[in-house]
Each structure stands twice: as C-alpha cells, then as structure tokens.
Amino acid sequence: MFRALLNDEAGFIVSAELILVATILVIGLIVGLSEVQHAVVAELNDVGDAIGKVNQSYLFSGFHKIDRGRKLHAFTAGSAYIDRMDECDMNDCEISCDSLIPEAPKL
C-alpha cells in the first residue's frame, strides 16, 4: 500500500491546477483590494471636502437690564466669528518637495 502511494502520480495535475488557480485568485484579489483602496480614499476625500465647506460663523447680540432709575443690573456682551476658508480647504494647497541637496564631501 505504501509503495502504491509513492508511485501514484494522479494528484500531480490537480495540484498544479490548484496552484495556477490560487495564483490567479491572489493576483485578482490584489487588484481588487487596490481598487477598494482607491475608492475608500476618494470617499474620504469627499468627506474631508464636506467638512472643509462647513461654515462655522456665528453671531449673537448681547443683552442688558436697566431698571427705571437707569441703574445697570446685568450686562452680557455679544460675540461674532466669521469663518474664512483655510489654506488647504477643498484641496487648494499643493504638497511639494524641496529641491535635492547634494551630500557633503567625505573627509
């Protein structure tokens, strides 16, 4: 029985086919995951653009209480803030590298 097992080559073609199929599947999986990565990055870029477009400006007036004798009892100042576009909102800024600097000579 052991000698028949050693001389049996019936599974050789099947294992070669399985290696070929597994290789094709792995290559397809890598390409598919790369496309998923690009899609996720694009969607996160859209989310970042949406957050950058949120206007956080506000304005509220103050109030005070003066009695009939013209005495001031309470006072609260108003406040305002105007939100302006930041430098890198909506992908307006570019990230660039500095020029190459040659290495100093060795002493």
PDB file of N, CA and C in Angstrom:
ATOM      1  N   MET A   1       0.829  -1.175   0.000  1.00  0.00           N
ATOM      2  CA  MET A   1       0.000   0.000   0.000  1.00  0.00           C
ATOM      3  C   MET A   1       0.891   1.263   0.000  1.00  0.00           C
ATOM      4  N   PHE A   2       1.975   1.231   0.783  1.00  0.00           N
ATOM      5  CA  PHE A   2       2.883   2.370   0.831  1.00  0.00           C
ATOM      6  C   PHE A   2       3.572   2.578  -0.515  1.00  0.00           C
ATOM      7  N   ARG A   3       3.973   1.465  -1.160  1.00  0.00           N
ATOM      8  CA  ARG A   3       4.618   1.540  -2.462  1.00  0.00           C
ATOM      9  C   ARG A   3       3.646   2.081  -3.521  1.00  0.00           C
ATOM     10  N   ALA A   4       2.396   1.709  -3.436  1.00  0.00           N
ATOM     11  CA  ALA A   4       1.392   2.233  -4.370  1.00  0.00           C
ATOM     12  C   ALA A   4       1.189   3.735  -4.156  1.00  0.00           C
ATOM     13  N   LEU A   5       1.263   4.183  -2.895  1.00  0.00           N
ATOM     14  CA  LEU A   5       1.131   5.607  -2.594  1.00  0.00           C
ATOM     15  C   LEU A   5       2.302   6.390  -3.166  1.00  0.00           C
ATOM     16  N   LEU A   6       3.530   5.857  -3.056  1.00  0.00           N
ATOM     17  CA  LEU A   6       4.701   6.549  -3.591  1.00  0.00           C
ATOM     18  C   LEU A   6       4.684   6.621  -5.110  1.00  0.00           C
ATOM     19  N   ASN A   7       4.178   5.608  -5.770  1.00  0.00           N
ATOM     20  CA  ASN A   7       4.167   5.569  -7.228  1.00  0.00           C
ATOM     21  C   ASN A   7       2.953   6.262  -7.836  1.00  0.00           C
ATOM     22  N   ASP A   8       2.035   6.685  -7.010  1.00  0.00           N
ATOM     23  CA  ASP A   8       0.807   7.308  -7.509  1.00  0.00           C
ATOM     24  C   ASP A   8       1.096   8.761  -7.900  1.00  0.00           C
ATOM     25  N   GLU A   9       0.837   9.121  -9.169  1.00  0.00           N
ATOM     26  CA  GLU A   9       1.032  10.484  -9.646  1.00  0.00           C
ATOM     27  C   GLU A   9      -0.276  11.099 -10.118  1.00  0.00           C
ATOM     28  N   ALA A  10      -1.388  10.561  -9.697  1.00  0.00           N
ATOM     29  CA  ALA A  10      -2.690  11.043 -10.159  1.00  0.00           C
ATOM     30  C   ALA A  10      -2.994  12.445  -9.650  1.00  0.00           C
ATOM     31  N   GLY A  11      -2.469  12.841  -8.501  1.00  0.00           N
ATOM     32  CA  GLY A  11      -2.768  14.149  -7.931  1.00  0.00           C
ATOM     33  C   GLY A  11      -1.858  15.258  -8.418  1.00  0.00           C
ATOM     34  N   PHE A  12      -0.851  14.943  -9.220  1.00  0.00           N
ATOM     35  CA  PHE A  12       0.114  15.953  -9.653  1.00  0.00           C
ATOM     36  C   PHE A  12      -0.542  17.028 -10.514  1.00  0.00           C
ATOM     37  N   ILE A  13      -1.367  16.651 -11.451  1.00  0.00           N
ATOM     38  CA  ILE A  13      -2.021  17.618 -12.337  1.00  0.00           C
ATOM     39  C   ILE A  13      -3.022  18.459 -11.545  1.00  0.00           C
ATOM     40  N   VAL A  14      -3.730  17.829 -10.623  1.00  0.00           N
ATOM     41  CA  VAL A  14      -4.706  18.554  -9.828  1.00  0.00           C
ATOM     42  C   VAL A  14      -4.005  19.604  -8.966  1.00  0.00           C
ATOM     43  N   SER A  15      -2.878  19.267  -8.354  1.00  0.00           N
ATOM     44  CA  SER A  15      -2.181  20.246  -7.523  1.00  0.00           C
ATOM     45  C   SER A  15      -1.593  21.366  -8.378  1.00  0.00           C
ATOM     46  N   ALA A  16      -1.126  21.068  -9.589  1.00  0.00           N
ATOM     47  CA  ALA A  16      -0.628  22.112 -10.476  1.00  0.00           C
ATOM     48  C   ALA A  16      -1.766  23.041 -10.882  1.00  0.00           C
ATOM     49  N   GLU A  17      -2.930  22.472 -11.129  1.00  0.00           N
ATOM     50  CA  GLU A  17      -4.093  23.300 -11.468  1.00  0.00           C
ATOM     51  C   GLU A  17      -4.491  24.168 -10.279  1.00  0.00           C
ATOM     52  N   LEU A  18      -4.422  23.597  -9.079  1.00  0.00           N
ATOM     53  CA  LEU A  18      -4.778  24.361  -7.895  1.00  0.00           C
ATOM     54  C   LEU A  18      -3.803  25.516  -7.664  1.00  0.00           C
ATOM     55  N   ILE A  19      -2.526  25.285  -7.918  1.00  0.00           N
ATOM     56  CA  ILE A  19      -1.538  26.362  -7.777  1.00  0.00           C
ATOM     57  C   ILE A  19      -1.810  27.460  -8.790  1.00  0.00           C
ATOM     58  N   LEU A  20      -2.119  27.099 -10.004  1.00  0.00           N
ATOM     59  CA  LEU A  20      -2.435  28.075 -11.039  1.00  0.00           C
ATOM     60  C   LEU A  20      -3.695  28.865 -10.679  1.00  0.00           C
ATOM     61  N   VAL A  21      -4.740  28.165 -10.264  1.00  0.00           N
ATOM     62  CA  VAL A  21      -5.985  28.843  -9.879  1.00  0.00           C
ATOM     63  C   VAL A  21      -5.753  29.736  -8.671  1.00  0.00           C
ATOM     64  N   ALA A  22      -4.997  29.262  -7.679  1.00  0.00           N
ATOM     65  CA  ALA A  22      -4.722  30.068  -6.490  1.00  0.00           C
ATOM     66  C   ALA A  22      -3.910  31.303  -6.850  1.00  0.00           C
ATOM     67  N   THR A  23      -2.955  31.167  -7.760  1.00  0.00           N
ATOM     68  CA  THR A  23      -2.159  32.315  -8.189  1.00  0.00           C
ATOM     69  C   THR A  23      -3.022  33.357  -8.880  1.00  0.00           C
ATOM     70  N   ILE A  24      -3.891  32.915  -9.761  1.00  0.00           N
ATOM     71  CA  ILE A  24      -4.787  33.841 -10.457  1.00  0.00           C
ATOM     72  C   ILE A  24      -5.726  34.524  -9.458  1.00  0.00           C
ATOM     73  N   LEU A  25      -6.218  33.778  -8.475  1.00  0.00           N
ATOM     74  CA  LEU A  25      -7.097  34.363  -7.463  1.00  0.00           C
ATOM     75  C   LEU A  25      -6.366  35.403  -6.620  1.00  0.00           C
ATOM     76  N   VAL A  26      -5.134  35.124  -6.243  1.00  0.00           N
ATOM     77  CA  VAL A  26      -4.374  36.072  -5.433  1.00  0.00           C
ATOM     78  C   VAL A  26      -4.083  37.335  -6.230  1.00  0.00           C
ATOM     79  N   ILE A  27      -3.715  37.196  -7.493  1.00  0.00           N
ATOM     80  CA  ILE A  27      -3.467  38.375  -8.334  1.00  0.00           C
ATOM     81  C   ILE A  27      -4.750  39.195  -8.478  1.00  0.00           C
ATOM     82  N   GLY A  28      -5.865  38.522  -8.706  1.00  0.00           N
ATOM     83  CA  GLY A  28      -7.150  39.219  -8.791  1.00  0.00           C
ATOM     84  C   GLY A  28      -7.522  39.893  -7.483  1.00  0.00           C
ATOM     85  N   LEU A  29      -7.211  39.242  -6.363  1.00  0.00           N
ATOM     86  CA  LEU A  29      -7.503  39.813  -5.051  1.00  0.00           C
ATOM     87  C   LEU A  29      -6.678  41.073  -4.812  1.00  0.00           C
ATOM     88  N   ILE A  30      -5.419  41.059  -5.216  1.00  0.00           N
ATOM     89  CA  ILE A  30      -4.561  42.236  -5.050  1.00  0.00           C
ATOM     90  C   ILE A  30      -5.100  43.400  -5.871  1.00  0.00           C
ATOM     91  N   VAL A  31      -5.482  43.139  -7.108  1.00  0.00           N
ATOM     92  CA  VAL A  31      -6.033  44.200  -7.961  1.00  0.00           C
ATOM     93  C   VAL A  31      -7.353  44.710  -7.380  1.00  0.00           C
ATOM     94  N   GLY A  32      -8.191  43.796  -6.906  1.00  0.00           N
ATOM     95  CA  GLY A  32      -9.470  44.196  -6.320  1.00  0.00           C
ATOM     96  C   GLY A  32      -9.288  45.039  -5.067  1.00  0.00           C
ATOM     97  N   LEU A  33      -8.360  44.639  -4.195  1.00  0.00           N
ATOM     98  CA  LEU A  33      -8.114  45.410  -2.976  1.00  0.00           C
ATOM     99  C   LEU A  33      -7.508  46.772  -3.291  1.00  0.00           C
ATOM    100  N   SER A  34      -6.711  46.846  -4.348  1.00  0.00           N
ATOM    101  CA  SER A  34      -6.167  48.136  -4.768  1.00  0.00           C
ATOM    102  C   SER A  34      -7.292  49.071  -5.216  1.00  0.00           C
ATOM    103  N   GLU A  35      -8.258  48.536  -5.935  1.00  0.00           N
ATOM    104  CA  GLU A  35      -9.398  49.355  -6.365  1.00  0.00           C
ATOM    105  C   GLU A  35     -10.256  49.766  -5.179  1.00  0.00           C
ATOM    106  N   VAL A  36     -10.413  48.882  -4.203  1.00  0.00           N
ATOM    107  CA  VAL A  36     -11.161  49.229  -2.991  1.00  0.00           C
ATOM    108  C   VAL A  36     -10.435  50.358  -2.255  1.00  0.00           C
ATOM    109  N   GLN A  37      -9.111  50.278  -2.190  1.00  0.00           N
ATOM    110  CA  GLN A  37      -8.333  51.328  -1.531  1.00  0.00           C
ATOM    111  C   GLN A  37      -8.539  52.665  -2.223  1.00  0.00           C
ATOM    112  N   HIS A  38      -8.503  52.693  -3.550  1.00  0.00           N
ATOM    113  CA  HIS A  38      -8.700  53.940  -4.278  1.00  0.00           C
ATOM    114  C   HIS A  38     -10.108  54.486  -4.045  1.00  0.00           C
ATOM    115  N   ALA A  39     -11.101  53.612  -3.999  1.00  0.00           N
ATOM    116  CA  ALA A  39     -12.481  54.055  -3.765  1.00  0.00           C
ATOM    117  C   ALA A  39     -12.639  54.628  -2.358  1.00  0.00           C
ATOM    118  N   VAL A  40     -12.025  53.981  -1.358  1.00  0.00           N
ATOM    119  CA  VAL A  40     -12.124  54.467   0.023  1.00  0.00           C
ATOM    120  C   VAL A  40     -11.418  55.813   0.160  1.00  0.00           C
ATOM    121  N   VAL A  41     -10.253  55.960  -0.457  1.00  0.00           N
ATOM    122  CA  VAL A  41      -9.529  57.233  -0.393  1.00  0.00           C
ATOM    123  C   VAL A  41     -10.351  58.337  -1.058  1.00  0.00           C
ATOM    124  N   ALA A  42     -10.992  58.040  -2.182  1.00  0.00           N
ATOM    125  CA  ALA A  42     -11.815  59.043  -2.858  1.00  0.00           C
ATOM    126  C   ALA A  42     -12.993  59.462  -1.984  1.00  0.00           C
ATOM    127  N   GLU A  43     -13.631  58.493  -1.328  1.00  0.00           N
ATOM    128  CA  GLU A  43     -14.765  58.822  -0.455  1.00  0.00           C
ATOM    129  C   GLU A  43     -14.307  59.617   0.758  1.00  0.00           C
ATOM    130  N   LEU A  44     -13.161  59.274   1.336  1.00  0.00           N
ATOM    131  CA  LEU A  44     -12.652  60.041   2.476  1.00  0.00           C
ATOM    132  C   LEU A  44     -12.272  61.457   2.049  1.00  0.00           C
ATOM    133  N   ASN A  45     -11.801  61.604   0.829  1.00  0.00           N
ATOM    134  CA  ASN A  45     -11.520  62.936   0.303  1.00  0.00           C
ATOM    135  C   ASN A  45     -12.809  63.743   0.194  1.00  0.00           C
ATOM    136  N   ASP A  46     -13.893  63.103  -0.249  1.00  0.00           N
ATOM    137  CA  ASP A  46     -15.187  63.781  -0.313  1.00  0.00           C
ATOM    138  C   ASP A  46     -15.658  64.200   1.075  1.00  0.00           C
ATOM    139  N   VAL A  47     -15.456  63.340   2.072  1.00  0.00           N
ATOM    140  CA  VAL A  47     -15.844  63.677   3.447  1.00  0.00           C
ATOM    141  C   VAL A  47     -15.017  64.863   3.945  1.00  0.00           C
ATOM    142  N   GLY A  48     -13.713  64.840   3.668  1.00  0.00           N
ATOM    143  CA  GLY A  48     -12.863  65.956   4.068  1.00  0.00           C
ATOM    144  C   GLY A  48     -13.281  67.258   3.405  1.00  0.00           C
ATOM    145  N   ASP A  49     -13.652  67.197   2.114  1.00  0.00           N
ATOM    146  CA  ASP A  49     -14.128  68.391   1.421  1.00  0.00           C
ATOM    147  C   ASP A  49     -15.426  68.896   2.035  1.00  0.00           C
ATOM    148  N   ALA A  50     -16.318  67.980   2.399  1.00  0.00           N
ATOM    149  CA  ALA A  50     -17.586  68.380   3.017  1.00  0.00           C
ATOM    150  C   ALA A  50     -17.348  69.037   4.371  1.00  0.00           C
ATOM    151  N   ILE A  51     -16.430  68.499   5.152  1.00  0.00           N
ATOM    152  CA  ILE A  51     -16.122  69.098   6.453  1.00  0.00           C
ATOM    153  C   ILE A  51     -15.471  70.467   6.261  1.00  0.00           C
ATOM    154  N   GLY A  52     -14.630  70.595   5.241  1.00  0.00           N
ATOM    155  CA  GLY A  52     -13.997  71.879   4.961  1.00  0.00           C
ATOM    156  C   GLY A  52     -14.987  72.941   4.518  1.00  0.00           C
ATOM    157  N   LYS A  53     -16.117  72.559   3.937  1.00  0.00           N
ATOM    158  CA  LYS A  53     -17.129  73.504   3.484  1.00  0.00           C
ATOM    159  C   LYS A  53     -18.080  73.937   4.589  1.00  0.00           C
ATOM    160  N   VAL A  54     -18.032  73.288   5.762  1.00  0.00           N
ATOM    161  CA  VAL A  54     -18.931  73.666   6.850  1.00  0.00           C
ATOM    162  C   VAL A  54     -18.573  75.075   7.318  1.00  0.00           C
ATOM    163  N   ASN A  55     -19.560  75.936   7.342  1.00  0.00           N
ATOM    164  CA  ASN A  55     -19.352  77.315   7.769  1.00  0.00           C
ATOM    165  C   ASN A  55     -19.625  77.386   9.267  1.00  0.00           C
ATOM    166  N   GLN A  56     -18.618  77.771  10.029  1.00  0.00           N
ATOM    167  CA  GLN A  56     -18.738  77.805  11.478  1.00  0.00           C
ATOM    168  C   GLN A  56     -18.932  79.223  11.998  1.00  0.00           C
ATOM    169  N   SER A  57     -19.329  80.133  11.136  1.00  0.00           N
ATOM    170  CA  SER A  57     -19.558  81.507  11.562  1.00  0.00           C
ATOM    171  C   SER A  57     -20.739  81.576  12.515  1.00  0.00           C
ATOM    172  N   TYR A  58     -20.667  82.529  13.454  1.00  0.00           N
ATOM    173  CA  TYR A  58     -21.796  82.738  14.353  1.00  0.00           C
ATOM    174  C   TYR A  58     -21.849  84.195  14.763  1.00  0.00           C
ATOM    175  N   LEU A  59     -23.003  84.606  15.233  1.00  0.00           N
ATOM    176  CA  LEU A  59     -23.214  85.966  15.695  1.00  0.00           C
ATOM    177  C   LEU A  59     -24.359  85.943  16.691  1.00  0.00           C
ATOM    178  N   PHE A  60     -24.127  86.509  17.855  1.00  0.00           N
ATOM    179  CA  PHE A  60     -25.237  86.714  18.779  1.00  0.00           C
ATOM    180  C   PHE A  60     -25.057  88.052  19.469  1.00  0.00           C
ATOM    181  N   SER A  61     -26.178  88.710  19.666  1.00  0.00           N
ATOM    182  CA  SER A  61     -26.134  90.034  20.275  1.00  0.00           C
ATOM    183  C   SER A  61     -26.141  89.898  21.791  1.00  0.00           C
ATOM    184  N   GLY A  62     -25.634  90.902  22.441  1.00  0.00           N
ATOM    185  CA  GLY A  62     -25.641  90.916  23.895  1.00  0.00           C
ATOM    186  C   GLY A  62     -26.971  91.453  24.417  1.00  0.00           C
ATOM    187  N   PHE A  63     -27.090  91.438  25.708  1.00  0.00           N
ATOM    188  CA  PHE A  63     -28.297  91.994  26.321  1.00  0.00           C
ATOM    189  C   PHE A  63     -27.916  92.630  27.652  1.00  0.00           C
ATOM    190  N   HIS A  64     -28.813  93.497  28.138  1.00  0.00           N
ATOM    191  CA  HIS A  64     -28.588  94.148  29.422  1.00  0.00           C
ATOM    192  C   HIS A  64     -29.935  94.451  30.084  1.00  0.00           C
ATOM    193  N   LYS A  65     -29.891  94.672  31.370  1.00  0.00           N
ATOM    194  CA  LYS A  65     -31.096  95.039  32.115  1.00  0.00           C
ATOM    195  C   LYS A  65     -30.815  96.342  32.859  1.00  0.00           C
ATOM    196  N   ILE A  66     -31.627  97.313  32.544  1.00  0.00           N
ATOM    197  CA  ILE A  66     -31.545  98.604  33.216  1.00  0.00           C
ATOM    198  C   ILE A  66     -32.903  98.854  33.868  1.00  0.00           C
ATOM    199  N   ASP A  67     -32.905  99.206  35.132  1.00  0.00           N
ATOM    200  CA  ASP A  67     -34.185  99.484  35.787  1.00  0.00           C
ATOM    201  C   ASP A  67     -34.636 100.910  35.478  1.00  0.00           C
ATOM    202  N   ARG A  68     -35.745 101.302  36.046  1.00  0.00           N
ATOM    203  CA  ARG A  68     -36.318 102.620  35.725  1.00  0.00           C
ATOM    204  C   ARG A  68     -35.455 103.764  36.237  1.00  0.00           C
ATOM    205  N   GLY A  69     -34.639 103.478  37.184  1.00  0.00           N
ATOM    206  CA  GLY A  69     -33.742 104.510  37.679  1.00  0.00           C
ATOM    207  C   GLY A  69     -32.459 104.593  36.878  1.00  0.00           C
ATOM    208  N   ARG A  70     -32.429 103.935  35.741  1.00  0.00           N
ATOM    209  CA  ARG A  70     -31.287 103.898  34.816  1.00  0.00           C
ATOM    210  C   ARG A  70     -30.070 103.251  35.448  1.00  0.00           C
ATOM    211  N   LYS A  71     -30.334 102.333  36.387  1.00  0.00           N
ATOM    212  CA  LYS A  71     -29.235 101.602  37.003  1.00  0.00           C
ATOM    213  C   LYS A  71     -29.047 100.282  36.245  1.00  0.00           C
ATOM    214  N   LEU A  72     -27.801  99.993  35.870  1.00  0.00           N
ATOM    215  CA  LEU A  72     -27.475  98.765  35.132  1.00  0.00           C
ATOM    216  C   LEU A  72     -27.392  97.597  36.105  1.00  0.00           C
ATOM    217  N   HIS A  73     -28.181  96.554  35.861  1.00  0.00           N
ATOM    218  CA  HIS A  73     -28.182  95.375  36.730  1.00  0.00           C
ATOM    219  C   HIS A  73     -27.413  94.201  36.111  1.00  0.00           C
ATOM    220  N   ALA A  74     -27.537  94.010  34.840  1.00  0.00           N
ATOM    221  CA  ALA A  74     -26.879  92.864  34.189  1.00  0.00           C
ATOM    222  C   ALA A  74     -26.478  93.272  32.771  1.00  0.00           C
ATOM    223  N   PHE A  75     -25.370  92.702  32.350  1.00  0.00           N
ATOM    224  CA  PHE A  75     -24.878  93.014  31.008  1.00  0.00           C
ATOM    225  C   PHE A  75     -24.136  91.797  30.471  1.00  0.00           C
ATOM    226  N   THR A  76     -24.448  91.446  29.260  1.00  0.00           N
ATOM    227  CA  THR A  76     -23.716  90.380  28.573  1.00  0.00           C
ATOM    228  C   THR A  76     -23.350  90.890  27.187  1.00  0.00           C
ATOM    229  N   ALA A  77     -22.083  90.782  26.871  1.00  0.00           N
ATOM    230  CA  ALA A  77     -21.612  91.263  25.572  1.00  0.00           C
ATOM    231  C   ALA A  77     -21.961  90.254  24.485  1.00  0.00           C
ATOM    232  N   GLY A  78     -22.165  90.748  23.303  1.00  0.00           N
ATOM    233  CA  GLY A  78     -22.383  89.870  22.163  1.00  0.00           C
ATOM    234  C   GLY A  78     -21.057  89.372  21.621  1.00  0.00           C
ATOM    235  N   SER A  79     -21.142  88.519  20.635  1.00  0.00           N
ATOM    236  CA  SER A  79     -19.926  87.970  20.049  1.00  0.00           C
ATOM    237  C   SER A  79     -20.194  87.594  18.601  1.00  0.00           C
ATOM    238  N   ALA A  80     -19.123  87.542  17.841  1.00  0.00           N
ATOM    239  CA  ALA A  80     -19.243  87.165  16.434  1.00  0.00           C
ATOM    240  C   ALA A  80     -17.947  86.505  15.983  1.00  0.00           C
ATOM    241  N   TYR A  81     -18.090  85.616  15.045  1.00  0.00           N
ATOM    242  CA  TYR A  81     -16.932  84.968  14.431  1.00  0.00           C
ATOM    243  C   TYR A  81     -17.270  84.711  12.975  1.00  0.00           C
ATOM    244  N   ILE A  82     -16.377  85.073  12.085  1.00  0.00           N
ATOM    245  CA  ILE A  82     -16.579  84.838  10.661  1.00  0.00           C
ATOM    246  C   ILE A  82     -15.567  83.792  10.215  1.00  0.00           C
ATOM    247  N   ASP A  83     -16.067  82.690   9.733  1.00  0.00           N
ATOM    248  CA  ASP A  83     -15.210  81.592   9.281  1.00  0.00           C
ATOM    249  C   ASP A  83     -14.781  81.851   7.847  1.00  0.00           C
ATOM    250  N   ARG A  84     -13.485  81.855   7.627  1.00  0.00           N
ATOM    251  CA  ARG A  84     -12.955  82.022   6.280  1.00  0.00           C
ATOM    252  C   ARG A  84     -12.317  80.708   5.838  1.00  0.00           C
ATOM    253  N   MET A  85     -12.178  80.556   4.550  1.00  0.00           N
ATOM    254  CA  MET A  85     -11.582  79.336   4.013  1.00  0.00           C
ATOM    255  C   MET A  85     -10.132  79.234   4.473  1.00  0.00           C
ATOM    256  N   ASP A  86      -9.748  78.038   4.909  1.00  0.00           N
ATOM    257  CA  ASP A  86      -8.363  77.786   5.282  1.00  0.00           C
ATOM    258  C   ASP A  86      -7.539  77.532   4.029  1.00  0.00           C
ATOM    259  N   GLU A  87      -6.229  77.493   4.207  1.00  0.00           N
ATOM    260  CA  GLU A  87      -5.337  77.345   3.058  1.00  0.00           C
ATOM    261  C   GLU A  87      -5.560  76.031   2.313  1.00  0.00           C
ATOM    262  N   CYS A  88      -5.804  74.965   3.055  1.00  0.00           N
ATOM    263  CA  CYS A  88      -5.899  73.652   2.405  1.00  0.00           C
ATOM    264  C   CYS A  88      -7.329  73.126   2.303  1.00  0.00           C
ATOM    265  N   ASP A  89      -8.329  73.976   2.515  1.00  0.00           N
ATOM    266  CA  ASP A  89      -9.703  73.526   2.318  1.00  0.00           C
ATOM    267  C   ASP A  89      -9.942  73.267   0.838  1.00  0.00           C
ATOM    268  N   MET A  90     -10.681  72.252   0.550  1.00  0.00           N
ATOM    269  CA  MET A  90     -11.084  71.889  -0.812  1.00  0.00           C
ATOM    270  C   MET A  90      -9.894  71.618  -1.719  1.00  0.00           C
ATOM    271  N   ASN A  91      -8.832  71.033  -1.174  1.00  0.00           N
ATOM    272  CA  ASN A  91      -7.649  70.626  -1.938  1.00  0.00           C
ATOM    273  C   ASN A  91      -6.995  71.790  -2.672  1.00  0.00           C
ATOM    274  N   ASP A  92      -6.968  72.966  -2.056  1.00  0.00           N
ATOM    275  CA  ASP A  92      -6.375  74.129  -2.702  1.00  0.00           C
ATOM    276  C   ASP A  92      -4.859  74.168  -2.584  1.00  0.00           C
ATOM    277  N   CYS A  93      -4.304  73.524  -1.588  1.00  0.00           N
ATOM    278  CA  CYS A  93      -2.858  73.600  -1.411  1.00  0.00           C
ATOM    279  C   CYS A  93      -2.179  72.408  -2.081  1.00  0.00           C
ATOM    280  N   GLU A  94      -0.934  72.605  -2.427  1.00  0.00           N
ATOM    281  CA  GLU A  94      -0.161  71.538  -3.036  1.00  0.00           C
ATOM    282  C   GLU A  94       0.989  71.175  -2.118  1.00  0.00           C
ATOM    283  N   ILE A  95       1.217  69.908  -1.994  1.00  0.00           N
ATOM    284  CA  ILE A  95       2.351  69.442  -1.212  1.00  0.00           C
ATOM    285  C   ILE A  95       3.485  69.189  -2.195  1.00  0.00           C
ATOM    286  N   SER A  96       4.577  69.873  -2.001  1.00  0.00           N
ATOM    287  CA  SER A  96       5.705  69.700  -2.917  1.00  0.00           C
ATOM    288  C   SER A  96       6.971  69.480  -2.103  1.00  0.00           C
ATOM    289  N   CYS A  97       7.910  68.841  -2.724  1.00  0.00           N
ATOM    290  CA  CYS A  97       9.174  68.537  -2.069  1.00  0.00           C
ATOM    291  C   CYS A  97      10.193  69.627  -2.389  1.00  0.00           C
ATOM    292  N   ASP A  98      11.137  69.806  -1.495  1.00  0.00           N
ATOM    293  CA  ASP A  98      12.225  70.729  -1.738  1.00  0.00           C
ATOM    294  C   ASP A  98      13.161  70.146  -2.780  1.00  0.00           C
ATOM    295  N   SER A  99      13.990  71.005  -3.341  1.00  0.00           N
ATOM    296  CA  SER A  99      14.950  70.508  -4.329  1.00  0.00           C
ATOM    297  C   SER A  99      16.012  69.656  -3.625  1.00  0.00           C
ATOM    298  N   LEU A 100      16.649  68.817  -4.394  1.00  0.00           N
ATOM    299  CA  LEU A 100      17.659  67.923  -3.836  1.00  0.00           C
ATOM    300  C   LEU A 100      18.896  68.692  -3.401  1.00  0.00           C
ATOM    301  N   ILE A 101      19.459  68.281  -2.292  1.00  0.00           N
ATOM    302  CA  ILE A 101      20.685  68.889  -1.779  1.00  0.00           C
ATOM    303  C   ILE A 101      21.778  67.834  -1.869  1.00  0.00           C
ATOM    304  N   PRO A 102      22.864  68.127  -2.575  1.00  0.00           N
ATOM    305  CA  PRO A 102      23.908  67.121  -2.690  1.00  0.00           C
ATOM    306  C   PRO A 102      24.565  66.860  -1.335  1.00  0.00           C
ATOM    307  N   GLU A 103      25.042  65.649  -1.201  1.00  0.00           N
ATOM    308  CA  GLU A 103      25.698  65.258   0.035  1.00  0.00           C
ATOM    309  C   GLU A 103      27.066  65.920   0.125  1.00  0.00           C
ATOM    310  N   ALA A 104      27.448  66.309   1.339  1.00  0.00           N
ATOM    311  CA  ALA A 104      28.742  66.955   1.535  1.00  0.00           C
ATOM    312  C   ALA A 104      29.870  65.951   1.281  1.00  0.00           C
ATOM    313  N   PRO A 105      31.019  66.457   0.834  1.00  0.00           N
ATOM    314  CA  PRO A 105      32.138  65.533   0.593  1.00  0.00           C
ATOM    315  C   PRO A 105      32.629  64.896   1.883  1.00  0.00           C
ATOM    316  N   LYS A 106      33.050  63.674   1.792  1.00  0.00           N
ATOM    317  CA  LYS A 106      33.561  62.950   2.943  1.00  0.00           C
ATOM    318  C   LYS A 106      34.974  63.401   3.255  1.00  0.00           C
ATOM    319  N   LEU A 107      35.272  63.550   4.499  1.00  0.00           N
ATOM    320  CA  LEU A 107      36.623  63.989   4.900  1.00  0.00           C
ATOM    321  C   LEU A 107      37.523  62.822   5.197  1.00  0.00           C
TER     322      LEU A 107
END
